[in-house]
Amino acid sequence: MTRSELIEALIAKLASKNPQLTAKDIELAAITILNEITNALVKRGRVEIRGFGSFGINKRPPRTGRNPKTGETVMVPAKEIPYFKAGKELRERVDHD
């Protein structure tokens, strides 16, 4: 599911239950949530959504790699990458559905 598909699904579900909400309001809410998760990760924070999962940053140390084309040894610098860990409720629903 892409971000635009997610927003369309939210609009379809929320607009029918809440006619006072416009599609633009629902889209703004979805984009705001995604942006706040991103901002928290940029600040090296962690976001936990109970029952769904948590987002965080993993640090990868520097390492020695190999150029697959030439076989030459190269140094790969340290980096920080985002990760998602599914919560217990999400894992159980995916496993049983």
C-alpha atoms as a PDB file:
ATOM      1  CA  MET A   1       0.000   0.000   0.000  1.00  0.00           C
ATOM      2  CA  THR A   2       1.401   3.389  -0.965  1.00  0.00           C
ATOM      3  CA  ARG A   3       0.921   6.605   0.970  1.00  0.00           C
ATOM      4  CA  SER A   4      -1.732   7.823  -1.482  1.00  0.00           C
ATOM      5  CA  GLU A   5      -3.584   4.495  -1.229  1.00  0.00           C
ATOM      6  CA  LEU A   6      -3.474   4.758   2.561  1.00  0.00           C
ATOM      7  CA  ILE A   7      -4.916   8.269   2.427  1.00  0.00           C
ATOM      8  CA  GLU A   8      -7.676   7.151   0.034  1.00  0.00           C
ATOM      9  CA  ALA A   9      -8.581   4.274   2.368  1.00  0.00           C
ATOM     10  CA  LEU A  10      -8.688   6.648   5.338  1.00  0.00           C
ATOM     11  CA  ILE A  11     -10.896   9.065   3.436  1.00  0.00           C
ATOM     12  CA  ALA A  12     -13.295   6.267   2.472  1.00  0.00           C
ATOM     13  CA  LYS A  13     -13.588   4.977   6.057  1.00  0.00           C
ATOM     14  CA  LEU A  14     -13.548   8.219   8.014  1.00  0.00           C
ATOM     15  CA  ALA A  15     -15.684  10.358   5.705  1.00  0.00           C
ATOM     16  CA  SER A  16     -18.584   7.898   5.873  1.00  0.00           C
ATOM     17  CA  LYS A  17     -18.515   7.883   9.703  1.00  0.00           C
ATOM     18  CA  ASN A  18     -17.705  11.595  10.106  1.00  0.00           C
ATOM     19  CA  PRO A  19     -19.414  13.629   7.375  1.00  0.00           C
ATOM     20  CA  GLN A  20     -18.109  16.891   8.884  1.00  0.00           C
ATOM     21  CA  LEU A  21     -14.556  15.882   7.914  1.00  0.00           C
ATOM     22  CA  THR A  22     -13.451  16.806   4.442  1.00  0.00           C
ATOM     23  CA  ALA A  23     -11.079  14.710   2.362  1.00  0.00           C
ATOM     24  CA  LYS A  24      -8.495  17.499   2.709  1.00  0.00           C
ATOM     25  CA  ASP A  25      -8.762  17.340   6.539  1.00  0.00           C
ATOM     26  CA  ILE A  26      -8.235  13.567   6.555  1.00  0.00           C
ATOM     27  CA  GLU A  27      -5.301  13.834   4.144  1.00  0.00           C
ATOM     28  CA  LEU A  28      -3.723  16.567   6.302  1.00  0.00           C
ATOM     29  CA  ALA A  29      -4.113  14.402   9.434  1.00  0.00           C
ATOM     30  CA  ALA A  30      -2.470  11.381   7.773  1.00  0.00           C
ATOM     31  CA  ILE A  31       0.416  13.442   6.401  1.00  0.00           C
ATOM     32  CA  THR A  32       0.892  15.136   9.786  1.00  0.00           C
ATOM     33  CA  ILE A  33       1.130  11.773  11.576  1.00  0.00           C
ATOM     34  CA  LEU A  34       3.725  10.492   9.095  1.00  0.00           C
ATOM     35  CA  ASN A  35       5.707  13.736   9.325  1.00  0.00           C
ATOM     36  CA  GLU A  36       5.742  13.630  13.135  1.00  0.00           C
ATOM     37  CA  ILE A  37       7.053  10.056  13.086  1.00  0.00           C
ATOM     38  CA  THR A  38       9.766  11.180  10.665  1.00  0.00           C
ATOM     39  CA  ASN A  39      10.639  14.236  12.787  1.00  0.00           C
ATOM     40  CA  ALA A  40      10.955  12.102  15.926  1.00  0.00           C
ATOM     41  CA  LEU A  41      13.336   9.723  14.125  1.00  0.00           C
ATOM     42  CA  VAL A  42      15.403  12.595  12.740  1.00  0.00           C
ATOM     43  CA  LYS A  43      15.854  13.787  16.351  1.00  0.00           C
ATOM     44  CA  ARG A  44      17.015  10.224  17.199  1.00  0.00           C
ATOM     45  CA  GLY A  45      13.826   9.607  19.157  1.00  0.00           C
ATOM     46  CA  ARG A  46      11.555   6.610  19.263  1.00  0.00           C
ATOM     47  CA  VAL A  47       7.854   6.364  18.409  1.00  0.00           C
ATOM     48  CA  GLU A  48       5.715   3.671  19.984  1.00  0.00           C
ATOM     49  CA  ILE A  49       2.145   3.011  18.923  1.00  0.00           C
ATOM     50  CA  ARG A  50       0.667   0.507  21.375  1.00  0.00           C
ATOM     51  CA  GLY A  51      -0.677  -2.601  19.668  1.00  0.00           C
ATOM     52  CA  PHE A  52       0.915  -1.635  16.360  1.00  0.00           C
ATOM     53  CA  GLY A  53       4.655  -1.331  16.863  1.00  0.00           C
ATOM     54  CA  SER A  54       7.570   0.993  17.377  1.00  0.00           C
ATOM     55  CA  PHE A  55       9.850   3.007  15.138  1.00  0.00           C
ATOM     56  CA  GLY A  56      13.444   3.705  16.106  1.00  0.00           C
ATOM     57  CA  ILE A  57      16.986   4.189  14.893  1.00  0.00           C
ATOM     58  CA  ASN A  58      19.592   1.403  14.643  1.00  0.00           C
ATOM     59  CA  LYS A  59      23.266   2.284  14.490  1.00  0.00           C
ATOM     60  CA  ARG A  60      25.417   0.249  12.128  1.00  0.00           C
ATOM     61  CA  PRO A  61      29.150   0.311  12.859  1.00  0.00           C
ATOM     62  CA  PRO A  62      31.722   0.880  10.100  1.00  0.00           C
ATOM     63  CA  ARG A  63      32.779  -2.263   8.293  1.00  0.00           C
ATOM     64  CA  THR A  64      34.893  -3.571   5.475  1.00  0.00           C
ATOM     65  CA  GLY A  65      32.979  -4.335   2.293  1.00  0.00           C
ATOM     66  CA  ARG A  66      33.856  -5.519  -1.160  1.00  0.00           C
ATOM     67  CA  ASN A  67      33.137  -3.913  -4.510  1.00  0.00           C
ATOM     68  CA  PRO A  68      31.289  -6.685  -6.392  1.00  0.00           C
ATOM     69  CA  LYS A  69      32.483  -5.462  -9.777  1.00  0.00           C
ATOM     70  CA  THR A  70      36.202  -5.205  -9.075  1.00  0.00           C
ATOM     71  CA  GLY A  71      36.575  -7.292  -5.926  1.00  0.00           C
ATOM     72  CA  GLU A  72      38.373  -4.367  -4.299  1.00  0.00           C
ATOM     73  CA  THR A  73      38.054  -3.970  -0.507  1.00  0.00           C
ATOM     74  CA  VAL A  74      36.318  -0.748   0.520  1.00  0.00           C
ATOM     75  CA  MET A  75      35.453   0.819   3.866  1.00  0.00           C
ATOM     76  CA  VAL A  76      31.727   1.243   4.475  1.00  0.00           C
ATOM     77  CA  PRO A  77      31.159   4.107   6.938  1.00  0.00           C
ATOM     78  CA  ALA A  78      28.986   3.889  10.059  1.00  0.00           C
ATOM     79  CA  LYS A  79      25.369   4.866   9.537  1.00  0.00           C
ATOM     80  CA  GLU A  80      22.072   5.147  11.324  1.00  0.00           C
ATOM     81  CA  ILE A  81      19.013   3.539   9.774  1.00  0.00           C
ATOM     82  CA  PRO A  82      15.333   3.622  10.734  1.00  0.00           C
ATOM     83  CA  TYR A  83      13.684   0.374  11.807  1.00  0.00           C
ATOM     84  CA  PHE A  84      10.192  -0.808  12.650  1.00  0.00           C
ATOM     85  CA  LYS A  85       9.414  -3.499  15.180  1.00  0.00           C
ATOM     86  CA  ALA A  86       5.888  -4.899  15.055  1.00  0.00           C
ATOM     87  CA  GLY A  87       3.946  -4.960  18.320  1.00  0.00           C
ATOM     88  CA  LYS A  88       2.508  -8.109  19.855  1.00  0.00           C
ATOM     89  CA  GLU A  89      -1.085  -7.403  18.771  1.00  0.00           C
ATOM     90  CA  LEU A  90      -0.047  -6.744  15.162  1.00  0.00           C
ATOM     91  CA  ARG A  91       2.095  -9.905  15.034  1.00  0.00           C
ATOM     92  CA  GLU A  92      -0.785 -11.990  16.406  1.00  0.00           C
ATOM     93  CA  ARG A  93      -3.338 -10.537  13.956  1.00  0.00           C
ATOM     94  CA  VAL A  94      -1.056 -11.106  10.980  1.00  0.00           C
ATOM     95  CA  ASP A  95      -0.277 -14.631  12.118  1.00  0.00           C
ATOM     96  CA  HIS A  96      -3.917 -15.624  12.671  1.00  0.00           C
ATOM     97  CA  ASP A  97      -5.684 -13.822   9.800  1.00  0.00           C
END
